[in-house]
């Protein structure tokens, strides 16, 4: 159960500015993978298509398992990509897909490339 009633903890890619809710801590793990932790102490999860969520990433769990671990991929041009336990890439979708952050594609394209911004 979520500790904030009514919150769905889904990740969105629709902000023009970076504030605390848009920042993630990139944790390098002993197994060569990374995890993304939010400012409120939750891990980003990339669970499969369970019917209702359609590969939408969420940041709702305080625990880390396989669904919260990502392979960090050098996507070139200073960009990074995140590959999930399921073999899919994290994508920042467009308005047509409600700006949701999903992990349902197996193809690395522009929507799957991210920029790492060092913390001040």
PDB file of N, CA and C in Angstrom:
ATOM      1  N   UNK A   1       0.839  -1.189   0.000  1.00  0.00           N
ATOM      2  CA  UNK A   1       0.000   0.000   0.000  1.00  0.00           C
ATOM      3  C   UNK A   1       0.878   1.243   0.000  1.00  0.00           C
ATOM      4  N   UNK A   2       0.521   2.227  -0.786  1.00  0.00           N
ATOM      5  CA  UNK A   2       1.272   3.478  -0.836  1.00  0.00           C
ATOM      6  C   UNK A   2       1.076   4.256   0.459  1.00  0.00           C
ATOM      7  N   UNK A   3       2.109   5.005   0.868  1.00  0.00           N
ATOM      8  CA  UNK A   3       1.993   5.783   2.087  1.00  0.00           C
ATOM      9  C   UNK A   3       1.294   7.119   1.843  1.00  0.00           C
ATOM     10  N   UNK A   4       0.964   7.429   0.620  1.00  0.00           N
ATOM     11  CA  UNK A   4       0.217   8.641   0.282  1.00  0.00           C
ATOM     12  C   UNK A   4      -1.075   8.205  -0.402  1.00  0.00           C
ATOM     13  N   UNK A   5      -2.166   8.199   0.309  1.00  0.00           N
ATOM     14  CA  UNK A   5      -3.446   7.729  -0.226  1.00  0.00           C
ATOM     15  C   UNK A   5      -3.820   8.504  -1.483  1.00  0.00           C
ATOM     16  N   UNK A   6      -4.217   7.775  -2.506  1.00  0.00           N
ATOM     17  CA  UNK A   6      -4.665   8.392  -3.746  1.00  0.00           C
ATOM     18  C   UNK A   6      -3.566   8.671  -4.750  1.00  0.00           C
ATOM     19  N   UNK A   7      -2.313   8.498  -4.386  1.00  0.00           N
ATOM     20  CA  UNK A   7      -1.205   8.734  -5.309  1.00  0.00           C
ATOM     21  C   UNK A   7      -0.962   7.468  -6.106  1.00  0.00           C
ATOM     22  N   UNK A   8      -0.653   7.625  -7.401  1.00  0.00           N
ATOM     23  CA  UNK A   8      -0.367   6.441  -8.203  1.00  0.00           C
ATOM     24  C   UNK A   8       1.126   6.275  -8.468  1.00  0.00           C
ATOM     25  N   UNK A   9       1.931   7.269  -8.119  1.00  0.00           N
ATOM     26  CA  UNK A   9       3.387   7.229  -8.214  1.00  0.00           C
ATOM     27  C   UNK A   9       3.909   7.008  -9.634  1.00  0.00           C
ATOM     28  N   UNK A  10       3.085   7.239 -10.658  1.00  0.00           N
ATOM     29  CA  UNK A  10       3.519   7.082 -12.046  1.00  0.00           C
ATOM     30  C   UNK A  10       4.492   8.186 -12.432  1.00  0.00           C
ATOM     31  N   UNK A  11       5.463   7.836 -13.279  1.00  0.00           N
ATOM     32  CA  UNK A  11       6.423   8.822 -13.766  1.00  0.00           C
ATOM     33  C   UNK A  11       5.893   9.487 -15.027  1.00  0.00           C
ATOM     34  N   UNK A  12       6.040  10.798 -15.083  1.00  0.00           N
ATOM     35  CA  UNK A  12       5.610  11.610 -16.217  1.00  0.00           C
ATOM     36  C   UNK A  12       6.819  12.358 -16.762  1.00  0.00           C
ATOM     37  N   UNK A  13       6.767  12.706 -18.026  1.00  0.00           N
ATOM     38  CA  UNK A  13       7.846  13.465 -18.666  1.00  0.00           C
ATOM     39  C   UNK A  13       7.268  14.728 -19.296  1.00  0.00           C
ATOM     40  N   UNK A  14       6.676  15.584 -18.464  1.00  0.00           N
ATOM     41  CA  UNK A  14       6.018  16.759 -19.024  1.00  0.00           C
ATOM     42  C   UNK A  14       6.421  18.082 -18.375  1.00  0.00           C
ATOM     43  N   UNK A  15       7.426  18.111 -17.561  1.00  0.00           N
ATOM     44  CA  UNK A  15       7.862  19.345 -16.905  1.00  0.00           C
ATOM     45  C   UNK A  15       8.930  20.052 -17.734  1.00  0.00           C
ATOM     46  N   UNK A  16       8.902  21.377 -17.705  1.00  0.00           N
ATOM     47  CA  UNK A  16       9.904  22.181 -18.402  1.00  0.00           C
ATOM     48  C   UNK A  16      11.048  22.590 -17.495  1.00  0.00           C
ATOM     49  N   UNK A  17      10.867  22.441 -16.187  1.00  0.00           N
ATOM     50  CA  UNK A  17      11.896  22.807 -15.224  1.00  0.00           C
ATOM     51  C   UNK A  17      12.212  21.600 -14.342  1.00  0.00           C
ATOM     52  N   UNK A  18      13.397  21.615 -13.771  1.00  0.00           N
ATOM     53  CA  UNK A  18      13.825  20.520 -12.906  1.00  0.00           C
ATOM     54  C   UNK A  18      13.730  20.975 -11.454  1.00  0.00           C
ATOM     55  N   UNK A  19      12.848  20.338 -10.723  1.00  0.00           N
ATOM     56  CA  UNK A  19      12.718  20.586  -9.287  1.00  0.00           C
ATOM     57  C   UNK A  19      12.931  19.251  -8.586  1.00  0.00           C
ATOM     58  N   UNK A  20      12.757  19.215  -7.267  1.00  0.00           N
ATOM     59  CA  UNK A  20      13.035  17.989  -6.512  1.00  0.00           C
ATOM     60  C   UNK A  20      12.275  16.779  -7.026  1.00  0.00           C
ATOM     61  N   UNK A  21      11.037  16.950  -7.471  1.00  0.00           N
ATOM     62  CA  UNK A  21      10.230  15.824  -7.932  1.00  0.00           C
ATOM     63  C   UNK A  21      10.695  15.302  -9.284  1.00  0.00           C
ATOM     64  N   UNK A  22      11.543  16.051  -9.975  1.00  0.00           N
ATOM     65  CA  UNK A  22      12.059  15.625 -11.279  1.00  0.00           C
ATOM     66  C   UNK A  22      13.485  15.091 -11.183  1.00  0.00           C
ATOM     67  N   UNK A  23      14.018  14.996  -9.994  1.00  0.00           N
ATOM     68  CA  UNK A  23      15.386  14.524  -9.792  1.00  0.00           C
ATOM     69  C   UNK A  23      15.393  13.091  -9.277  1.00  0.00           C
ATOM     70  N   UNK A  24      16.401  12.347  -9.716  1.00  0.00           N
ATOM     71  CA  UNK A  24      16.597  10.985  -9.249  1.00  0.00           C
ATOM     72  C   UNK A  24      18.045  10.818  -8.842  1.00  0.00           C
ATOM     73  N   UNK A  25      18.270  10.043  -7.820  1.00  0.00           N
ATOM     74  CA  UNK A  25      19.625   9.680  -7.434  1.00  0.00           C
ATOM     75  C   UNK A  25      19.989   8.427  -8.216  1.00  0.00           C
ATOM     76  N   UNK A  26      21.108   8.467  -8.924  1.00  0.00           N
ATOM     77  CA  UNK A  26      21.581   7.326  -9.704  1.00  0.00           C
ATOM     78  C   UNK A  26      22.518   6.520  -8.814  1.00  0.00           C
ATOM     79  N   UNK A  27      22.073   5.341  -8.434  1.00  0.00           N
ATOM     80  CA  UNK A  27      22.843   4.476  -7.543  1.00  0.00           C
ATOM     81  C   UNK A  27      23.523   3.384  -8.357  1.00  0.00           C
ATOM     82  N   UNK A  28      24.839   3.306  -8.267  1.00  0.00           N
ATOM     83  CA  UNK A  28      25.599   2.261  -8.951  1.00  0.00           C
ATOM     84  C   UNK A  28      25.646   1.029  -8.054  1.00  0.00           C
ATOM     85  N   UNK A  29      25.183  -0.098  -8.566  1.00  0.00           N
ATOM     86  CA  UNK A  29      25.072  -1.320  -7.784  1.00  0.00           C
ATOM     87  C   UNK A  29      26.264  -2.244  -8.006  1.00  0.00           C
ATOM     88  N   UNK A  30      26.492  -3.140  -7.056  1.00  0.00           N
ATOM     89  CA  UNK A  30      27.610  -4.077  -7.136  1.00  0.00           C
ATOM     90  C   UNK A  30      27.514  -5.026  -8.326  1.00  0.00           C
ATOM     91  N   UNK A  31      26.320  -5.255  -8.848  1.00  0.00           N
ATOM     92  CA  UNK A  31      26.137  -6.180  -9.966  1.00  0.00           C
ATOM     93  C   UNK A  31      26.311  -5.510 -11.337  1.00  0.00           C
ATOM     94  N   UNK A  32      26.810  -4.262 -11.357  1.00  0.00           N
ATOM     95  CA  UNK A  32      27.039  -3.554 -12.610  1.00  0.00           C
ATOM     96  C   UNK A  32      25.822  -2.809 -13.129  1.00  0.00           C
ATOM     97  N   UNK A  33      24.720  -2.889 -12.425  1.00  0.00           N
ATOM     98  CA  UNK A  33      23.501  -2.186 -12.830  1.00  0.00           C
ATOM     99  C   UNK A  33      23.342  -0.920 -12.010  1.00  0.00           C
ATOM    100  N   UNK A  34      22.285  -0.171 -12.308  1.00  0.00           N
ATOM    101  CA  UNK A  34      21.984   1.040 -11.557  1.00  0.00           C
ATOM    102  C   UNK A  34      20.539   0.986 -11.064  1.00  0.00           C
ATOM    103  N   UNK A  35      20.257   1.808 -10.069  1.00  0.00           N
ATOM    104  CA  UNK A  35      18.893   1.995  -9.581  1.00  0.00           C
ATOM    105  C   UNK A  35      18.635   3.495  -9.532  1.00  0.00           C
ATOM    106  N   UNK A  36      17.384   3.858  -9.669  1.00  0.00           N
ATOM    107  CA  UNK A  36      16.968   5.252  -9.588  1.00  0.00           C
ATOM    108  C   UNK A  36      16.132   5.426  -8.323  1.00  0.00           C
ATOM    109  N   UNK A  37      16.574   6.326  -7.476  1.00  0.00           N
ATOM    110  CA  UNK A  37      15.861   6.581  -6.232  1.00  0.00           C
ATOM    111  C   UNK A  37      15.361   8.021  -6.244  1.00  0.00           C
ATOM    112  N   UNK A  38      14.145   8.214  -5.783  1.00  0.00           N
ATOM    113  CA  UNK A  38      13.534   9.535  -5.798  1.00  0.00           C
ATOM    114  C   UNK A  38      13.933  10.355  -4.583  1.00  0.00           C
ATOM    115  N   UNK A  39      13.583  11.624  -4.626  1.00  0.00           N
ATOM    116  CA  UNK A  39      13.835  12.525  -3.514  1.00  0.00           C
ATOM    117  C   UNK A  39      13.041  12.125  -2.264  1.00  0.00           C
ATOM    118  N   UNK A  40      11.936  11.388  -2.441  1.00  0.00           N
ATOM    119  CA  UNK A  40      11.143  10.956  -1.303  1.00  0.00           C
ATOM    120  C   UNK A  40      11.453   9.506  -0.890  1.00  0.00           C
ATOM    121  N   UNK A  41      12.615   8.981  -1.362  1.00  0.00           N
ATOM    122  CA  UNK A  41      13.118   7.702  -0.871  1.00  0.00           C
ATOM    123  C   UNK A  41      12.543   6.450  -1.493  1.00  0.00           C
ATOM    124  N   UNK A  42      11.874   6.570  -2.612  1.00  0.00           N
ATOM    125  CA  UNK A  42      11.300   5.402  -3.288  1.00  0.00           C
ATOM    126  C   UNK A  42      12.151   5.031  -4.506  1.00  0.00           C
ATOM    127  N   UNK A  43      12.103   3.763  -4.889  1.00  0.00           N
ATOM    128  CA  UNK A  43      12.805   3.297  -6.079  1.00  0.00           C
ATOM    129  C   UNK A  43      11.879   3.306  -7.286  1.00  0.00           C
ATOM    130  N   UNK A  44      12.444   3.597  -8.445  1.00  0.00           N
ATOM    131  CA  UNK A  44      11.704   3.539  -9.699  1.00  0.00           C
ATOM    132  C   UNK A  44      11.616   2.080 -10.120  1.00  0.00           C
ATOM    133  N   UNK A  45      10.402   1.625 -10.445  1.00  0.00           N
ATOM    134  CA  UNK A  45      10.149   0.247 -10.849  1.00  0.00           C
ATOM    135  C   UNK A  45       9.701   0.189 -12.297  1.00  0.00           C
ATOM    136  N   UNK A  46      10.223  -0.782 -13.022  1.00  0.00           N
ATOM    137  CA  UNK A  46       9.792  -1.052 -14.391  1.00  0.00           C
ATOM    138  C   UNK A  46       9.180  -2.439 -14.413  1.00  0.00           C
ATOM    139  N   UNK A  47       7.922  -2.505 -14.048  1.00  0.00           N
ATOM    140  CA  UNK A  47       7.239  -3.794 -14.041  1.00  0.00           C
ATOM    141  C   UNK A  47       6.677  -4.067 -15.427  1.00  0.00           C
ATOM    142  N   UNK A  48       6.351  -5.302 -15.697  1.00  0.00           N
ATOM    143  CA  UNK A  48       5.847  -5.690 -17.008  1.00  0.00           C
ATOM    144  C   UNK A  48       4.443  -5.194 -17.265  1.00  0.00           C
ATOM    145  N   UNK A  49       3.906  -5.620 -18.369  1.00  0.00           N
ATOM    146  CA  UNK A  49       2.553  -5.240 -18.751  1.00  0.00           C
ATOM    147  C   UNK A  49       1.574  -6.095 -17.967  1.00  0.00           C
ATOM    148  N   UNK A  50       1.058  -5.533 -16.878  1.00  0.00           N
ATOM    149  CA  UNK A  50       0.125  -6.299 -16.057  1.00  0.00           C
ATOM    150  C   UNK A  50      -1.332  -6.021 -16.423  1.00  0.00           C
ATOM    151  N   UNK A  51      -1.523  -5.389 -17.580  1.00  0.00           N
ATOM    152  CA  UNK A  51      -2.877  -5.133 -18.053  1.00  0.00           C
ATOM    153  C   UNK A  51      -3.372  -3.738 -17.757  1.00  0.00           C
ATOM    154  N   UNK A  52      -3.153  -3.264 -16.531  1.00  0.00           N
ATOM    155  CA  UNK A  52      -3.678  -1.942 -16.180  1.00  0.00           C
ATOM    156  C   UNK A  52      -2.653  -0.840 -16.360  1.00  0.00           C
ATOM    157  N   UNK A  53      -1.399  -1.145 -16.223  1.00  0.00           N
ATOM    158  CA  UNK A  53      -0.379  -0.092 -16.221  1.00  0.00           C
ATOM    159  C   UNK A  53       0.352   0.061 -17.548  1.00  0.00           C
ATOM    160  N   UNK A  54       0.276  -0.920 -18.440  1.00  0.00           N
ATOM    161  CA  UNK A  54       0.852  -0.824 -19.778  1.00  0.00           C
ATOM    162  C   UNK A  54       2.294  -0.326 -19.767  1.00  0.00           C
ATOM    163  N   UNK A  55       3.146  -0.965 -18.964  1.00  0.00           N
ATOM    164  CA  UNK A  55       4.581  -0.698 -18.908  1.00  0.00           C
ATOM    165  C   UNK A  55       4.945   0.669 -18.347  1.00  0.00           C
ATOM    166  N   UNK A  56       4.061   1.304 -17.603  1.00  0.00           N
ATOM    167  CA  UNK A  56       4.334   2.619 -17.015  1.00  0.00           C
ATOM    168  C   UNK A  56       5.260   2.454 -15.819  1.00  0.00           C
ATOM    169  N   UNK A  57       6.307   3.293 -15.754  1.00  0.00           N
ATOM    170  CA  UNK A  57       7.214   3.271 -14.613  1.00  0.00           C
ATOM    171  C   UNK A  57       6.572   3.971 -13.428  1.00  0.00           C
ATOM    172  N   UNK A  58       6.850   3.421 -12.252  1.00  0.00           N
ATOM    173  CA  UNK A  58       6.338   4.004 -11.016  1.00  0.00           C
ATOM    174  C   UNK A  58       7.469   4.131 -10.009  1.00  0.00           C
ATOM    175  N   UNK A  59       7.290   5.021  -9.062  1.00  0.00           N
ATOM    176  CA  UNK A  59       8.267   5.213  -7.990  1.00  0.00           C
ATOM    177  C   UNK A  59       7.544   5.059  -6.665  1.00  0.00           C
ATOM    178  N   UNK A  60       7.182   3.813  -6.354  1.00  0.00           N
ATOM    179  CA  UNK A  60       6.331   3.579  -5.191  1.00  0.00           C
ATOM    180  C   UNK A  60       6.894   2.617  -4.156  1.00  0.00           C
ATOM    181  N   UNK A  61       8.022   1.996  -4.424  1.00  0.00           N
ATOM    182  CA  UNK A  61       8.501   0.980  -3.501  1.00  0.00           C
ATOM    183  C   UNK A  61       9.757   1.432  -2.738  1.00  0.00           C
ATOM    184  N   UNK A  62       9.798   1.129  -1.435  1.00  0.00           N
ATOM    185  CA  UNK A  62      11.008   1.434  -0.668  1.00  0.00           C
ATOM    186  C   UNK A  62      12.070   0.338  -0.810  1.00  0.00           C
ATOM    187  N   UNK A  63      11.695  -0.764  -1.450  1.00  0.00           N
ATOM    188  CA  UNK A  63      12.603  -1.905  -1.601  1.00  0.00           C
ATOM    189  C   UNK A  63      13.111  -2.015  -3.034  1.00  0.00           C
ATOM    190  N   UNK A  64      14.278  -2.619  -3.194  1.00  0.00           N
ATOM    191  CA  UNK A  64      14.858  -2.780  -4.523  1.00  0.00           C
ATOM    192  C   UNK A  64      14.947  -4.249  -4.874  1.00  0.00           C
ATOM    193  N   UNK A  65      14.423  -4.598  -6.050  1.00  0.00           N
ATOM    194  CA  UNK A  65      14.495  -5.944  -6.589  1.00  0.00           C
ATOM    195  C   UNK A  65      14.872  -5.859  -8.058  1.00  0.00           C
ATOM    196  N   UNK A  66      14.657  -6.916  -8.797  1.00  0.00           N
ATOM    197  CA  UNK A  66      15.026  -6.945 -10.217  1.00  0.00           C
ATOM    198  C   UNK A  66      14.311  -5.873 -11.031  1.00  0.00           C
ATOM    199  N   UNK A  67      13.064  -5.595 -10.710  1.00  0.00           N
ATOM    200  CA  UNK A  67      12.303  -4.592 -11.461  1.00  0.00           C
ATOM    201  C   UNK A  67      12.771  -3.167 -11.188  1.00  0.00           C
ATOM    202  N   UNK A  68      13.596  -2.989 -10.163  1.00  0.00           N
ATOM    203  CA  UNK A  68      14.125  -1.667  -9.830  1.00  0.00           C
ATOM    204  C   UNK A  68      15.587  -1.504 -10.238  1.00  0.00           C
ATOM    205  N   UNK A  69      16.112  -2.457 -11.002  1.00  0.00           N
ATOM    206  CA  UNK A  69      17.502  -2.395 -11.471  1.00  0.00           C
ATOM    207  C   UNK A  69      17.533  -2.244 -12.985  1.00  0.00           C
ATOM    208  N   UNK A  70      18.437  -1.398 -13.456  1.00  0.00           N
ATOM    209  CA  UNK A  70      18.539  -1.079 -14.875  1.00  0.00           C
ATOM    210  C   UNK A  70      19.979  -1.225 -15.349  1.00  0.00           C
ATOM    211  N   UNK A  71      20.144  -1.621 -16.598  1.00  0.00           N
ATOM    212  CA  UNK A  71      21.460  -1.572 -17.231  1.00  0.00           C
ATOM    213  C   UNK A  71      21.608  -0.170 -17.806  1.00  0.00           C
ATOM    214  N   UNK A  72      22.707   0.480 -17.506  1.00  0.00           N
ATOM    215  CA  UNK A  72      22.980   1.816 -18.008  1.00  0.00           C
ATOM    216  C   UNK A  72      23.702   1.683 -19.334  1.00  0.00           C
ATOM    217  N   UNK A  73      23.125   2.239 -20.395  1.00  0.00           N
ATOM    218  CA  UNK A  73      23.636   2.093 -21.754  1.00  0.00           C
ATOM    219  C   UNK A  73      24.148   3.437 -22.256  1.00  0.00           C
ATOM    220  N   UNK A  74      25.366   3.453 -22.825  1.00  0.00           N
ATOM    221  CA  UNK A  74      25.876   4.648 -23.476  1.00  0.00           C
ATOM    222  C   UNK A  74      25.181   4.757 -24.831  1.00  0.00           C
ATOM    223  N   UNK A  75      24.332   5.779 -24.986  1.00  0.00           N
ATOM    224  CA  UNK A  75      23.554   5.951 -26.212  1.00  0.00           C
ATOM    225  C   UNK A  75      24.220   6.911 -27.190  1.00  0.00           C
ATOM    226  N   UNK A  76      25.432   7.368 -26.891  1.00  0.00           N
ATOM    227  CA  UNK A  76      26.159   8.285 -27.764  1.00  0.00           C
ATOM    228  C   UNK A  76      25.735   9.736 -27.584  1.00  0.00           C
ATOM    229  N   UNK A  77      26.565  10.635 -28.062  1.00  0.00           N
ATOM    230  CA  UNK A  77      26.289  12.074 -27.985  1.00  0.00           C
ATOM    231  C   UNK A  77      26.008  12.556 -26.566  1.00  0.00           C
ATOM    232  N   UNK A  78      26.661  11.953 -25.586  1.00  0.00           N
ATOM    233  CA  UNK A  78      26.476  12.362 -24.198  1.00  0.00           C
ATOM    234  C   UNK A  78      25.159  11.912 -23.582  1.00  0.00           C
ATOM    235  N   UNK A  79      24.434  11.045 -24.240  1.00  0.00           N
ATOM    236  CA  UNK A  79      23.136  10.566 -23.756  1.00  0.00           C
ATOM    237  C   UNK A  79      23.273   9.163 -23.161  1.00  0.00           C
ATOM    238  N   UNK A  80      22.339   8.829 -22.280  1.00  0.00           N
ATOM    239  CA  UNK A  80      22.285   7.519 -21.648  1.00  0.00           C
ATOM    240  C   UNK A  80      20.921   6.896 -21.885  1.00  0.00           C
ATOM    241  N   UNK A  81      20.866   5.585 -21.814  1.00  0.00           N
ATOM    242  CA  UNK A  81      19.597   4.863 -21.891  1.00  0.00           C
ATOM    243  C   UNK A  81      19.554   3.877 -20.731  1.00  0.00           C
ATOM    244  N   UNK A  82      18.348   3.511 -20.357  1.00  0.00           N
ATOM    245  CA  UNK A  82      18.134   2.566 -19.266  1.00  0.00           C
ATOM    246  C   UNK A  82      17.400   1.351 -19.808  1.00  0.00           C
ATOM    247  N   UNK A  83      18.040   0.187 -19.672  1.00  0.00           N
ATOM    248  CA  UNK A  83      17.430  -1.057 -20.116  1.00  0.00           C
ATOM    249  C   UNK A  83      16.931  -1.804 -18.885  1.00  0.00           C
ATOM    250  N   UNK A  84      15.700  -2.287 -18.961  1.00  0.00           N
ATOM    251  CA  UNK A  84      15.064  -2.923 -17.811  1.00  0.00           C
ATOM    252  C   UNK A  84      15.399  -4.409 -17.714  1.00  0.00           C
ATOM    253  N   UNK A  85      15.000  -4.979 -16.611  1.00  0.00           N
ATOM    254  CA  UNK A  85      15.104  -6.410 -16.370  1.00  0.00           C
ATOM    255  C   UNK A  85      14.372  -7.208 -17.450  1.00  0.00           C
ATOM    256  N   UNK A  86      13.342  -6.608 -18.038  1.00  0.00           N
ATOM    257  CA  UNK A  86      12.532  -7.252 -19.070  1.00  0.00           C
ATOM    258  C   UNK A  86      13.149  -7.154 -20.460  1.00  0.00           C
ATOM    259  N   UNK A  87      14.285  -6.449 -20.577  1.00  0.00           N
ATOM    260  CA  UNK A  87      14.927  -6.288 -21.877  1.00  0.00           C
ATOM    261  C   UNK A  87      14.358  -5.143 -22.695  1.00  0.00           C
ATOM    262  N   UNK A  88      13.577  -4.291 -22.076  1.00  0.00           N
ATOM    263  CA  UNK A  88      12.993  -3.142 -22.756  1.00  0.00           C
ATOM    264  C   UNK A  88      13.687  -1.866 -22.302  1.00  0.00           C
ATOM    265  N   UNK A  89      13.512  -0.800 -23.080  1.00  0.00           N
ATOM    266  CA  UNK A  89      14.134   0.486 -22.765  1.00  0.00           C
ATOM    267  C   UNK A  89      13.114   1.445 -22.161  1.00  0.00           C
ATOM    268  N   UNK A  90      13.598   2.275 -21.246  1.00  0.00           N
ATOM    269  CA  UNK A  90      12.768   3.332 -20.665  1.00  0.00           C
ATOM    270  C   UNK A  90      12.593   4.422 -21.715  1.00  0.00           C
ATOM    271  N   UNK A  91      11.342   4.868 -21.904  1.00  0.00           N
ATOM    272  CA  UNK A  91      11.009   5.893 -22.894  1.00  0.00           C
ATOM    273  C   UNK A  91      10.272   7.049 -22.237  1.00  0.00           C
ATOM    274  N   UNK A  92      10.620   8.270 -22.630  1.00  0.00           N
ATOM    275  CA  UNK A  92       9.852   9.455 -22.243  1.00  0.00           C
ATOM    276  C   UNK A  92       8.890   9.713 -23.386  1.00  0.00           C
ATOM    277  N   UNK A  93       7.627   9.431 -23.188  1.00  0.00           N
ATOM    278  CA  UNK A  93       6.662   9.479 -24.283  1.00  0.00           C
ATOM    279  C   UNK A  93       6.140  10.888 -24.545  1.00  0.00           C
ATOM    280  N   UNK A  94       5.390  11.013 -25.620  1.00  0.00           N
ATOM    281  CA  UNK A  94       4.841  12.292 -26.056  1.00  0.00           C
ATOM    282  C   UNK A  94       3.445  12.522 -25.474  1.00  0.00           C
ATOM    283  N   UNK A  95       2.871  13.672 -25.830  1.00  0.00           N
ATOM    284  CA  UNK A  95       1.523  14.009 -25.362  1.00  0.00           C
ATOM    285  C   UNK A  95       0.498  12.984 -25.825  1.00  0.00           C
ATOM    286  N   UNK A  96       0.733  12.379 -26.988  1.00  0.00           N
ATOM    287  CA  UNK A  96      -0.189  11.361 -27.495  1.00  0.00           C
ATOM    288  C   UNK A  96      -0.309  10.176 -26.536  1.00  0.00           C
ATOM    289  N   UNK A  97       0.745   9.939 -25.754  1.00  0.00           N
ATOM    290  CA  UNK A  97       0.728   8.851 -24.777  1.00  0.00           C
ATOM    291  C   UNK A  97       0.694   9.404 -23.353  1.00  0.00           C
ATOM    292  N   UNK A  98       0.165  10.615 -23.224  1.00  0.00           N
ATOM    293  CA  UNK A  98      -0.056  11.261 -21.920  1.00  0.00           C
ATOM    294  C   UNK A  98       1.222  11.589 -21.155  1.00  0.00           C
ATOM    295  N   UNK A  99       2.351  11.705 -21.842  1.00  0.00           N
ATOM    296  CA  UNK A  99       3.640  12.060 -21.229  1.00  0.00           C
ATOM    297  C   UNK A  99       4.114  11.037 -20.203  1.00  0.00           C
ATOM    298  N   UNK A 100       3.598   9.841 -20.233  1.00  0.00           N
ATOM    299  CA  UNK A 100       4.003   8.811 -19.273  1.00  0.00           C
ATOM    300  C   UNK A 100       5.408   8.296 -19.609  1.00  0.00           C
ATOM    301  N   UNK A 101       6.151   7.940 -18.575  1.00  0.00           N
ATOM    302  CA  UNK A 101       7.445   7.290 -18.767  1.00  0.00           C
ATOM    303  C   UNK A 101       7.162   5.794 -18.763  1.00  0.00           C
ATOM    304  N   UNK A 102       7.490   5.153 -19.867  1.00  0.00           N
ATOM    305  CA  UNK A 102       7.173   3.735 -20.060  1.00  0.00           C
ATOM    306  C   UNK A 102       8.441   2.939 -20.359  1.00  0.00           C
ATOM    307  N   UNK A 103       8.302   1.624 -20.347  1.00  0.00           N
ATOM    308  CA  UNK A 103       9.419   0.743 -20.680  1.00  0.00           C
ATOM    309  C   UNK A 103       8.894  -0.420 -21.502  1.00  0.00           C
ATOM    310  N   UNK A 104       8.365  -0.115 -22.687  1.00  0.00           N
ATOM    311  CA  UNK A 104       7.786  -1.204 -23.467  1.00  0.00           C
ATOM    312  C   UNK A 104       8.445  -1.417 -24.823  1.00  0.00           C
ATOM    313  N   UNK A 105       9.432  -0.614 -25.181  1.00  0.00           N
ATOM    314  CA  UNK A 105      10.059  -0.781 -26.487  1.00  0.00           C
ATOM    315  C   UNK A 105      11.388  -1.527 -26.376  1.00  0.00           C
ATOM    316  N   UNK A 106      11.682  -2.302 -27.385  1.00  0.00           N
ATOM    317  CA  UNK A 106      12.960  -3.021 -27.444  1.00  0.00           C
ATOM    318  C   UNK A 106      13.931  -2.335 -28.405  1.00  0.00           C
ATOM    319  N   UNK A 107      13.521  -1.178 -28.919  1.00  0.00           N
ATOM    320  CA  UNK A 107      14.335  -0.415 -29.869  1.00  0.00           C
ATOM    321  C   UNK A 107      14.838   0.863 -29.203  1.00  0.00           C
ATOM    322  N   UNK A 108      16.123   1.136 -29.354  1.00  0.00           N
ATOM    323  CA  UNK A 108      16.719   2.336 -28.777  1.00  0.00           C
ATOM    324  C   UNK A 108      16.622   3.478 -29.784  1.00  0.00           C
ATOM    325  N   UNK A 109      15.717   4.419 -29.530  1.00  0.00           N
ATOM    326  CA  UNK A 109      15.517   5.577 -30.388  1.00  0.00           C
ATOM    327  C   UNK A 109      15.684   6.858 -29.586  1.00  0.00           C
ATOM    328  N   UNK A 110      15.327   7.991 -30.157  1.00  0.00           N
ATOM    329  CA  UNK A 110      15.487   9.282 -29.495  1.00  0.00           C
ATOM    330  C   UNK A 110      14.686   9.397 -28.204  1.00  0.00           C
ATOM    331  N   UNK A 111      13.498   8.787 -28.161  1.00  0.00           N
ATOM    332  CA  UNK A 111      12.649   8.870 -26.977  1.00  0.00           C
ATOM    333  C   UNK A 111      13.235   8.090 -25.795  1.00  0.00           C
ATOM    334  N   UNK A 112      14.215   7.249 -26.066  1.00  0.00           N
ATOM    335  CA  UNK A 112      14.819   6.417 -25.018  1.00  0.00           C
ATOM    336  C   UNK A 112      16.171   6.958 -24.540  1.00  0.00           C
ATOM    337  N   UNK A 113      16.553   8.136 -24.987  1.00  0.00           N
ATOM    338  CA  UNK A 113      17.847   8.726 -24.610  1.00  0.00           C
ATOM    339  C   UNK A 113      17.653   9.848 -23.597  1.00  0.00           C
ATOM    340  N   UNK A 114      18.479   9.810 -22.562  1.00  0.00           N
ATOM    341  CA  UNK A 114      18.369  10.759 -21.464  1.00  0.00           C
ATOM    342  C   UNK A 114      19.709  11.462 -21.225  1.00  0.00           C
ATOM    343  N   UNK A 115      19.645  12.624 -20.621  1.00  0.00           N
ATOM    344  CA  UNK A 115      20.836  13.400 -20.284  1.00  0.00           C
ATOM    345  C   UNK A 115      21.038  13.358 -18.787  1.00  0.00           C
ATOM    346  N   UNK A 116      22.241  13.019 -18.361  1.00  0.00           N
ATOM    347  CA  UNK A 116      22.574  13.030 -16.944  1.00  0.00           C
ATOM    348  C   UNK A 116      22.971  14.438 -16.553  1.00  0.00           C
ATOM    349  N   UNK A 117      22.297  14.993 -15.543  1.00  0.00           N
ATOM    350  CA  UNK A 117      22.606  16.339 -15.052  1.00  0.00           C
ATOM    351  C   UNK A 117      23.253  16.188 -13.696  1.00  0.00           C
ATOM    352  N   UNK A 118      24.543  16.561 -13.576  1.00  0.00           N
ATOM    353  CA  UNK A 118      25.220  16.422 -12.271  1.00  0.00           C
ATOM    354  C   UNK A 118      24.545  17.270 -11.203  1.00  0.00           C
ATOM    355  N   UNK A 119      24.542  16.759  -9.986  1.00  0.00           N
ATOM    356  CA  UNK A 119      23.953  17.472  -8.870  1.00  0.00           C
ATOM    357  C   UNK A 119      24.855  18.640  -8.482  1.00  0.00           C
ATOM    358  N   UNK A 120      24.232  19.764  -8.153  1.00  0.00           N
ATOM    359  CA  UNK A 120      24.998  20.948  -7.718  1.00  0.00           C
ATOM    360  C   UNK A 120      25.608  20.751  -6.371  1.00  0.00           C
TER     361      UNK A 120
END
